[in-house]
C-alpha atoms as a PDB file:
ATOM      1  CA  MET A   1       0.000   0.000   0.000  1.00  0.00           C
ATOM      2  CA  ARG A   2       2.401   2.695  -1.195  1.00  0.00           C
ATOM      3  CA  VAL A   3      -0.461   4.816  -2.506  1.00  0.00           C
ATOM      4  CA  LEU A   4      -1.815   5.741   0.930  1.00  0.00           C
ATOM      5  CA  PRO A   5       1.284   7.720   2.054  1.00  0.00           C
ATOM      6  CA  LEU A   6       1.237   9.653  -1.227  1.00  0.00           C
ATOM      7  CA  VAL A   7      -2.454  10.444  -0.878  1.00  0.00           C
ATOM      8  CA  LEU A   8      -1.903  11.653   2.683  1.00  0.00           C
ATOM      9  CA  ALA A   9       1.135  13.716   1.670  1.00  0.00           C
ATOM     10  CA  ALA A  10      -0.510  15.338  -1.386  1.00  0.00           C
ATOM     11  CA  PRO A  11      -1.955  18.338   0.514  1.00  0.00           C
ATOM     12  CA  LEU A  12       1.480  19.005   2.033  1.00  0.00           C
ATOM     13  CA  MET A  13       3.234  18.819  -1.328  1.00  0.00           C
ATOM     14  CA  LEU A  14       0.699  21.095  -3.003  1.00  0.00           C
ATOM     15  CA  GLY A  15       0.707  23.619  -0.171  1.00  0.00           C
ATOM     16  CA  GLY A  16       4.204  24.912  -0.943  1.00  0.00           C
ATOM     17  CA  CYS A  17       3.847  25.616  -4.654  1.00  0.00           C
ATOM     18  CA  VAL A  18       4.188  29.134  -6.082  1.00  0.00           C
ATOM     19  CA  ILE A  19       3.829  29.897  -9.785  1.00  0.00           C
ATOM     20  CA  TYR A  20       5.174  33.110 -11.322  1.00  0.00           C
ATOM     21  CA  ALA A  21       4.161  34.234 -14.819  1.00  0.00           C
ATOM     22  CA  SER A  22       5.992  36.986 -16.677  1.00  0.00           C
ATOM     23  CA  ASP A  23       4.838  39.333 -19.429  1.00  0.00           C
ATOM     24  CA  SER A  24       7.004  37.368 -21.890  1.00  0.00           C
ATOM     25  CA  GLY A  25       4.825  34.281 -21.368  1.00  0.00           C
ATOM     26  CA  GLU A  26       7.408  32.284 -19.386  1.00  0.00           C
ATOM     27  CA  THR A  27       6.182  30.535 -16.276  1.00  0.00           C
ATOM     28  CA  THR A  28       8.454  29.627 -13.371  1.00  0.00           C
ATOM     29  CA  THR A  29       7.220  27.132 -10.803  1.00  0.00           C
ATOM     30  CA  VAL A  30       8.931  27.204  -7.415  1.00  0.00           C
ATOM     31  CA  ARG A  31       8.213  24.596  -4.760  1.00  0.00           C
ATOM     32  CA  THR A  32       9.275  25.470  -1.245  1.00  0.00           C
ATOM     33  CA  SER A  33       9.667  23.343   1.849  1.00  0.00           C
ATOM     34  CA  SER A  34      11.478  23.399   5.140  1.00  0.00           C
ATOM     35  CA  ALA A  35      14.709  21.511   5.744  1.00  0.00           C
ATOM     36  CA  SER A  36      12.906  19.216   8.185  1.00  0.00           C
ATOM     37  CA  SER A  37      10.189  18.151   5.721  1.00  0.00           C
ATOM     38  CA  VAL A  38      10.185  14.643   4.325  1.00  0.00           C
ATOM     39  CA  GLN A  39      10.853  14.096   0.624  1.00  0.00           C
ATOM     40  CA  VAL A  40       8.069  11.803  -0.567  1.00  0.00           C
ATOM     41  CA  GLN A  41       8.565  11.998  -4.333  1.00  0.00           C
ATOM     42  CA  ALA A  42      11.634  10.312  -5.843  1.00  0.00           C
ATOM     43  CA  ARG A  43      13.009  12.125  -8.897  1.00  0.00           C
ATOM     44  CA  GLU A  44      16.085  12.176 -11.072  1.00  0.00           C
ATOM     45  CA  LEU A  45      18.041  15.383 -10.643  1.00  0.00           C
ATOM     46  CA  GLU A  46      19.363  17.242 -13.664  1.00  0.00           C
ATOM     47  CA  SER A  47      23.159  17.163 -13.896  1.00  0.00           C
ATOM     48  CA  VAL A  48      24.632  20.642 -14.304  1.00  0.00           C
ATOM     49  CA  HIS A  49      27.884  21.883 -15.845  1.00  0.00           C
ATOM     50  CA  ALA A  50      28.264  25.021 -13.724  1.00  0.00           C
ATOM     51  CA  VAL A  51      26.413  27.255 -11.306  1.00  0.00           C
ATOM     52  CA  ARG A  52      26.927  30.758  -9.993  1.00  0.00           C
ATOM     53  CA  PHE A  53      24.892  32.788  -7.591  1.00  0.00           C
ATOM     54  CA  GLU A  54      24.984  36.489  -8.256  1.00  0.00           C
ATOM     55  CA  ARG A  55      23.621  39.176  -5.966  1.00  0.00           C
ATOM     56  CA  ASP A  56      20.088  38.898  -7.360  1.00  0.00           C
ATOM     57  CA  SER A  57      20.028  35.783  -9.553  1.00  0.00           C
ATOM     58  CA  ALA A  58      20.962  32.110  -9.876  1.00  0.00           C
ATOM     59  CA  VAL A  59      22.634  31.104 -13.165  1.00  0.00           C
ATOM     60  CA  VAL A  60      22.985  27.419 -14.051  1.00  0.00           C
ATOM     61  CA  ARG A  61      24.656  25.857 -17.135  1.00  0.00           C
ATOM     62  CA  VAL A  62      22.758  22.709 -18.181  1.00  0.00           C
ATOM     63  CA  THR A  63      22.986  20.152 -20.969  1.00  0.00           C
ATOM     64  CA  SER A  64      21.046  21.051 -24.105  1.00  0.00           C
ATOM     65  CA  ASN A  65      20.149  19.457 -27.406  1.00  0.00           C
ATOM     66  CA  GLY A  66      19.368  22.900 -28.800  1.00  0.00           C
ATOM     67  CA  CYS A  67      15.908  23.658 -27.383  1.00  0.00           C
ATOM     68  CA  THR A  68      16.441  23.981 -23.620  1.00  0.00           C
ATOM     69  CA  ASP A  69      15.251  27.046 -21.736  1.00  0.00           C
ATOM     70  CA  LYS A  70      14.321  27.807 -18.154  1.00  0.00           C
ATOM     71  CA  SER A  71      10.644  26.989 -18.639  1.00  0.00           C
ATOM     72  CA  ASP A  72      11.731  23.333 -19.064  1.00  0.00           C
ATOM     73  CA  PHE A  73      12.680  23.170 -15.366  1.00  0.00           C
ATOM     74  CA  ARG A  74      10.876  23.061 -12.066  1.00  0.00           C
ATOM     75  CA  VAL A  75      12.834  24.800  -9.314  1.00  0.00           C
ATOM     76  CA  GLU A  76      12.503  23.602  -5.736  1.00  0.00           C
ATOM     77  CA  ILE A  77      13.773  25.787  -2.902  1.00  0.00           C
ATOM     78  CA  THR A  78      14.291  24.345   0.579  1.00  0.00           C
ATOM     79  CA  ASP A  79      14.585  26.848   3.403  1.00  0.00           C
ATOM     80  CA  GLY A  80      17.829  26.218   5.262  1.00  0.00           C
ATOM     81  CA  GLY A  81      16.791  28.126   8.374  1.00  0.00           C
ATOM     82  CA  ASP A  82      20.005  29.652   9.761  1.00  0.00           C
ATOM     83  CA  MET A  83      22.041  28.030   6.974  1.00  0.00           C
ATOM     84  CA  ALA A  84      21.977  28.478   3.192  1.00  0.00           C
ATOM     85  CA  GLY A  85      18.813  27.447   1.381  1.00  0.00           C
ATOM     86  CA  GLU A  86      18.945  24.616  -1.136  1.00  0.00           C
ATOM     87  CA  MET A  87      17.977  24.981  -4.794  1.00  0.00           C
ATOM     88  CA  THR A  88      17.116  21.877  -6.827  1.00  0.00           C
ATOM     89  CA  LEU A  89      16.448  21.763 -10.585  1.00  0.00           C
ATOM     90  CA  VAL A  90      14.154  19.101 -11.971  1.00  0.00           C
ATOM     91  CA  ARG A  91      13.745  18.932 -15.746  1.00  0.00           C
ATOM     92  CA  ALA A  92       9.992  18.915 -16.382  1.00  0.00           C
ATOM     93  CA  GLU A  93      10.189  18.960 -20.201  1.00  0.00           C
ATOM     94  CA  PRO A  94      12.795  16.944 -22.131  1.00  0.00           C
ATOM     95  CA  ASP A  95      14.820  18.557 -24.918  1.00  0.00           C
ATOM     96  CA  HIS A  96      14.082  16.445 -28.003  1.00  0.00           C
ATOM     97  CA  CYS A  97      16.039  18.606 -30.450  1.00  0.00           C
ATOM     98  CA  ARG A  98      19.079  17.152 -32.225  1.00  0.00           C
ATOM     99  CA  ALA A  99      21.615  19.996 -32.176  1.00  0.00           C
ATOM    100  CA  LEU A 100      23.872  18.862 -29.348  1.00  0.00           C
ATOM    101  CA  VAL A 101      25.350  21.934 -27.665  1.00  0.00           C
ATOM    102  CA  ALA A 102      28.626  20.659 -26.166  1.00  0.00           C
ATOM    103  CA  GLU A 103      28.994  23.483 -23.623  1.00  0.00           C
ATOM    104  CA  GLY A 104      25.291  23.438 -22.686  1.00  0.00           C
ATOM    105  CA  VAL A 105      23.229  26.580 -22.159  1.00  0.00           C
ATOM    106  CA  GLU A 106      22.827  28.970 -19.261  1.00  0.00           C
ATOM    107  CA  VAL A 107      19.437  29.378 -17.657  1.00  0.00           C
ATOM    108  CA  SER A 108      18.825  31.892 -14.905  1.00  0.00           C
ATOM    109  CA  TRP A 109      16.224  32.907 -12.373  1.00  0.00           C
ATOM    110  CA  THR A 110      16.102  36.139 -10.435  1.00  0.00           C
ATOM    111  CA  TYR A 111      15.780  35.833  -6.696  1.00  0.00           C
ATOM    112  CA  ALA A 112      12.410  37.586  -7.022  1.00  0.00           C
ATOM    113  CA  GLU A 113      11.211  34.766  -9.326  1.00  0.00           C
ATOM    114  CA  LEU A 114      12.394  32.252  -6.733  1.00  0.00           C
ATOM    115  CA  GLY A 115      10.626  34.075  -3.911  1.00  0.00           C
ATOM    116  CA  LEU A 116      13.934  34.944  -2.218  1.00  0.00           C
ATOM    117  CA  GLU A 117      15.402  38.150  -0.868  1.00  0.00           C
ATOM    118  CA  ARG A 118      18.263  39.685  -2.822  1.00  0.00           C
ATOM    119  CA  GLY A 119      21.602  38.219  -1.716  1.00  0.00           C
ATOM    120  CA  ALA A 120      20.063  35.168  -0.005  1.00  0.00           C
ATOM    121  CA  ALA A 121      22.528  32.309   0.534  1.00  0.00           C
ATOM    122  CA  LEU A 122      21.827  29.266  -1.684  1.00  0.00           C
ATOM    123  CA  VAL A 123      23.483  25.985  -2.596  1.00  0.00           C
ATOM    124  CA  LEU A 124      22.589  23.780  -5.560  1.00  0.00           C
ATOM    125  CA  ALA A 125      21.614  20.181  -4.785  1.00  0.00           C
ATOM    126  CA  ASN A 126      22.035  18.871  -8.347  1.00  0.00           C
ATOM    127  CA  PRO A 127      25.088  16.792  -9.300  1.00  0.00           C
ATOM    128  CA  LEU A 128      27.914  18.577 -11.110  1.00  0.00           C
ATOM    129  CA  VAL A 129      29.180  17.123 -14.426  1.00  0.00           C
ATOM    130  CA  VAL A 130      32.913  17.541 -14.848  1.00  0.00           C
ATOM    131  CA  PRO A 131      34.043  17.485 -18.510  1.00  0.00           C
END
């Protein structure tokens, strides 16, 4: 009976979802949770080539077959309390194009899109691919 825990956890998982829509038509979905919450949903994390956190944005270099952009990802932010928060990228839409981009592409989110204050401390939970 693995379904019962998921059914019971569904209201908790849905309670921390925030969706931002911009004038350009892009939609960013951010799921938030506390560091003490239990991860119920197993998922494969997107491997990244590089990450940098600027004063007001998070910039991540990801693998691309030519059609990847930030709307292809779901961003999950875990509040770290007194420590740095944790950012996790989950690819929601696969890139089915055929133009392999060896260096990948950069995608970025402003801290405002992520529901964070400017300069907030973050770490990325995704695995790093070393060339």
